[in-house]
Amino acid sequence: MQYLLMIYEDESAYGPNKQGEALNRVVAGHMALSQSLGAKRLAGAGLKNTNTATTVRTAADGSKTIHDGPFAETKEQLGGFYMIEADDLDDAIAIARRIPVCREGAVEIRPLLGQGERKATAA
């Protein structure tokens, strides 16, 4: 089963333009995790700061508007992702727990469309 693991953190923890020692530590953790996942890691990348984001919003009438920045103002921003192949949701959760974050954060786990749904047995 394929899953997308979306990493949400407060990007301010990394400083302006995501530079510095905090980023270096987390990147080293991601490099080690990527190597340990081997073929289970299908894709993944970090994202630049939200000030580089552009959002295309569709209204109920079908009109489209373009906005600078992310879709919503939140405490945590989408900072990167992994696309993985996992045996089941439990396996995906085990991998998500290993994803390094600088401070507080969350990893959202979502199966790709066309993938069977399986409930986790471990919390």
C-alpha atoms as a PDB file:
ATOM      1  CA  MET A   1       0.000   0.000   0.000  1.00  0.00           C
ATOM      2  CA  GLN A   2       1.220   3.473  -0.793  1.00  0.00           C
ATOM      3  CA  TYR A   3       0.951   6.296   1.729  1.00  0.00           C
ATOM      4  CA  LEU A   4       1.812   9.980   1.756  1.00  0.00           C
ATOM      5  CA  LEU A   5       3.374  11.135   5.030  1.00  0.00           C
ATOM      6  CA  MET A   6       2.971  14.918   5.288  1.00  0.00           C
ATOM      7  CA  ILE A   7       5.202  16.688   7.802  1.00  0.00           C
ATOM      8  CA  TYR A   8       3.730  19.732   9.567  1.00  0.00           C
ATOM      9  CA  GLU A   9       5.864  21.992  11.769  1.00  0.00           C
ATOM     10  CA  ASP A  10       6.204  25.615  12.744  1.00  0.00           C
ATOM     11  CA  GLU A  11       8.680  26.704  10.090  1.00  0.00           C
ATOM     12  CA  SER A  12       9.896  29.607  12.253  1.00  0.00           C
ATOM     13  CA  ALA A  13      11.910  27.037  14.257  1.00  0.00           C
ATOM     14  CA  TYR A  14      14.352  26.914  11.341  1.00  0.00           C
ATOM     15  CA  GLY A  15      14.906  30.663  11.089  1.00  0.00           C
ATOM     16  CA  PRO A  16      14.650  32.890   8.024  1.00  0.00           C
ATOM     17  CA  ASN A  17      14.789  30.970   4.745  1.00  0.00           C
ATOM     18  CA  LYS A  18      15.221  27.669   6.620  1.00  0.00           C
ATOM     19  CA  GLN A  19      18.943  28.040   7.210  1.00  0.00           C
ATOM     20  CA  GLY A  20      21.126  27.221  10.173  1.00  0.00           C
ATOM     21  CA  GLU A  21      21.979  24.528  12.662  1.00  0.00           C
ATOM     22  CA  ALA A  22      18.393  23.437  13.400  1.00  0.00           C
ATOM     23  CA  LEU A  23      17.817  22.640   9.743  1.00  0.00           C
ATOM     24  CA  ASN A  24      21.164  20.868   9.461  1.00  0.00           C
ATOM     25  CA  ARG A  25      20.268  18.559  12.369  1.00  0.00           C
ATOM     26  CA  VAL A  26      16.844  17.698  10.973  1.00  0.00           C
ATOM     27  CA  VAL A  27      18.162  17.190   7.436  1.00  0.00           C
ATOM     28  CA  ALA A  28      20.762  14.752   8.786  1.00  0.00           C
ATOM     29  CA  GLY A  29      17.923  12.845  10.465  1.00  0.00           C
ATOM     30  CA  HIS A  30      15.950  12.763   7.226  1.00  0.00           C
ATOM     31  CA  MET A  31      18.973  11.517   5.280  1.00  0.00           C
ATOM     32  CA  ALA A  32      19.462   8.678   7.757  1.00  0.00           C
ATOM     33  CA  LEU A  33      15.750   7.812   7.686  1.00  0.00           C
ATOM     34  CA  SER A  34      15.680   7.833   3.871  1.00  0.00           C
ATOM     35  CA  GLN A  35      18.632   5.445   3.733  1.00  0.00           C
ATOM     36  CA  SER A  36      17.075   3.109   6.294  1.00  0.00           C
ATOM     37  CA  LEU A  37      13.767   2.982   4.371  1.00  0.00           C
ATOM     38  CA  GLY A  38      15.462   1.771   1.204  1.00  0.00           C
ATOM     39  CA  ALA A  39      12.895   0.738  -1.418  1.00  0.00           C
ATOM     40  CA  LYS A  40       9.988   1.653   0.872  1.00  0.00           C
ATOM     41  CA  ARG A  41      10.732   5.332   0.166  1.00  0.00           C
ATOM     42  CA  LEU A  42       9.134   6.077  -3.198  1.00  0.00           C
ATOM     43  CA  ALA A  43       9.584   9.867  -3.133  1.00  0.00           C
ATOM     44  CA  GLY A  44      10.012  12.759  -0.763  1.00  0.00           C
ATOM     45  CA  ALA A  45      11.209  16.317  -0.444  1.00  0.00           C
ATOM     46  CA  GLY A  46      11.361  19.286   1.844  1.00  0.00           C
ATOM     47  CA  LEU A  47       9.533  22.451   0.879  1.00  0.00           C
ATOM     48  CA  LYS A  48      10.689  26.063   0.846  1.00  0.00           C
ATOM     49  CA  ASN A  49       9.106  28.548   3.286  1.00  0.00           C
ATOM     50  CA  THR A  50       5.431  29.401   2.952  1.00  0.00           C
ATOM     51  CA  ASN A  51       6.314  32.898   1.715  1.00  0.00           C
ATOM     52  CA  THR A  52       7.223  31.196  -1.583  1.00  0.00           C
ATOM     53  CA  ALA A  53       3.801  29.502  -1.870  1.00  0.00           C
ATOM     54  CA  THR A  54       1.023  30.416  -4.280  1.00  0.00           C
ATOM     55  CA  THR A  55      -2.537  29.136  -3.928  1.00  0.00           C
ATOM     56  CA  VAL A  56      -5.139  28.853  -6.693  1.00  0.00           C
ATOM     57  CA  ARG A  57      -8.587  28.948  -5.078  1.00  0.00           C
ATOM     58  CA  THR A  58     -11.770  27.878  -6.866  1.00  0.00           C
ATOM     59  CA  ALA A  59     -15.044  29.573  -5.892  1.00  0.00           C
ATOM     60  CA  ALA A  60     -18.483  27.954  -5.987  1.00  0.00           C
ATOM     61  CA  ASP A  61     -19.137  29.601  -9.374  1.00  0.00           C
ATOM     62  CA  GLY A  62     -16.000  27.991 -10.814  1.00  0.00           C
ATOM     63  CA  SER A  63     -13.968  31.207 -10.949  1.00  0.00           C
ATOM     64  CA  LYS A  64     -10.333  30.937  -9.939  1.00  0.00           C
ATOM     65  CA  THR A  65      -8.274  33.434  -7.946  1.00  0.00           C
ATOM     66  CA  ILE A  66      -4.567  33.388  -7.183  1.00  0.00           C
ATOM     67  CA  HIS A  67      -3.241  34.185  -3.704  1.00  0.00           C
ATOM     68  CA  ASP A  68       0.250  34.573  -2.290  1.00  0.00           C
ATOM     69  CA  GLY A  69       1.067  32.182   0.512  1.00  0.00           C
ATOM     70  CA  PRO A  70      -0.466  28.958   1.732  1.00  0.00           C
ATOM     71  CA  PHE A  71      -4.171  28.151   1.681  1.00  0.00           C
ATOM     72  CA  ALA A  72      -4.701  28.714   5.407  1.00  0.00           C
ATOM     73  CA  GLU A  73      -2.974  30.529   8.241  1.00  0.00           C
ATOM     74  CA  THR A  74      -1.994  27.903  10.811  1.00  0.00           C
ATOM     75  CA  LYS A  75       0.527  27.365  13.586  1.00  0.00           C
ATOM     76  CA  GLU A  76       2.108  24.526  11.613  1.00  0.00           C
ATOM     77  CA  GLN A  77       2.949  24.530   7.932  1.00  0.00           C
ATOM     78  CA  LEU A  78       3.476  21.685   5.477  1.00  0.00           C
ATOM     79  CA  GLY A  79       7.253  21.452   5.386  1.00  0.00           C
ATOM     80  CA  GLY A  80       7.857  18.260   3.441  1.00  0.00           C
ATOM     81  CA  PHE A  81       6.633  14.795   2.650  1.00  0.00           C
ATOM     82  CA  TYR A  82       7.510  11.178   2.074  1.00  0.00           C
ATOM     83  CA  MET A  83       5.686   8.865  -0.303  1.00  0.00           C
ATOM     84  CA  ILE A  84       6.197   5.334   0.949  1.00  0.00           C
ATOM     85  CA  GLU A  85       5.264   1.740   0.273  1.00  0.00           C
ATOM     86  CA  ALA A  86       4.127   0.132   3.524  1.00  0.00           C
ATOM     87  CA  ASP A  87       2.727  -3.273   4.393  1.00  0.00           C
ATOM     88  CA  ASP A  88      -0.292  -1.685   6.088  1.00  0.00           C
ATOM     89  CA  LEU A  89      -1.288   1.315   8.200  1.00  0.00           C
ATOM     90  CA  ASP A  90       0.618  -0.030  11.207  1.00  0.00           C
ATOM     91  CA  ASP A  91       3.803  -0.102   9.124  1.00  0.00           C
ATOM     92  CA  ALA A  92       3.127   3.449   7.865  1.00  0.00           C
ATOM     93  CA  ILE A  93       2.616   4.645  11.449  1.00  0.00           C
ATOM     94  CA  ALA A  94       5.893   3.036  12.520  1.00  0.00           C
ATOM     95  CA  ILE A  95       7.706   4.891   9.737  1.00  0.00           C
ATOM     96  CA  ALA A  96       5.928   8.195  10.516  1.00  0.00           C
ATOM     97  CA  ARG A  97       7.048   7.957  14.151  1.00  0.00           C
ATOM     98  CA  ARG A  98      10.671   7.953  12.949  1.00  0.00           C
ATOM     99  CA  ILE A  99      10.399  11.207  10.968  1.00  0.00           C
ATOM    100  CA  PRO A 100      12.535  13.901  12.610  1.00  0.00           C
ATOM    101  CA  VAL A 101      11.043  17.281  13.468  1.00  0.00           C
ATOM    102  CA  CYS A 102      12.801  20.281  14.993  1.00  0.00           C
ATOM    103  CA  ARG A 103      10.355  20.917  17.844  1.00  0.00           C
ATOM    104  CA  GLU A 104       6.669  20.124  18.005  1.00  0.00           C
ATOM    105  CA  GLY A 105       4.973  18.916  14.885  1.00  0.00           C
ATOM    106  CA  ALA A 106       2.720  16.365  13.276  1.00  0.00           C
ATOM    107  CA  VAL A 107       2.895  13.811  10.499  1.00  0.00           C
ATOM    108  CA  GLU A 108      -0.359  13.192   8.641  1.00  0.00           C
ATOM    109  CA  ILE A 109      -0.640   9.719   7.102  1.00  0.00           C
ATOM    110  CA  ARG A 110      -2.933   9.276   4.100  1.00  0.00           C
ATOM    111  CA  PRO A 111      -3.298   6.336   1.728  1.00  0.00           C
ATOM    112  CA  LEU A 112      -3.189   7.155  -1.960  1.00  0.00           C
ATOM    113  CA  LEU A 113      -6.424   6.750  -3.916  1.00  0.00           C
ATOM    114  CA  GLY A 114      -6.885   3.259  -5.262  1.00  0.00           C
ATOM    115  CA  GLN A 115      -5.273   1.756  -2.178  1.00  0.00           C
ATOM    116  CA  GLY A 116      -7.264  -0.528   0.124  1.00  0.00           C
ATOM    117  CA  GLU A 117      -8.257   0.848   3.508  1.00  0.00           C
ATOM    118  CA  ARG A 118      -6.920  -0.856   6.605  1.00  0.00           C
ATOM    119  CA  LYS A 119      -7.343   0.265  10.178  1.00  0.00           C
ATOM    120  CA  ALA A 120      -4.379   0.510  12.540  1.00  0.00           C
ATOM    121  CA  THR A 121      -4.161  -1.937  15.396  1.00  0.00           C
ATOM    122  CA  ALA A 122      -1.496  -0.004  17.336  1.00  0.00           C
ATOM    123  CA  ALA A 123      -1.707   3.553  18.576  1.00  0.00           C
END
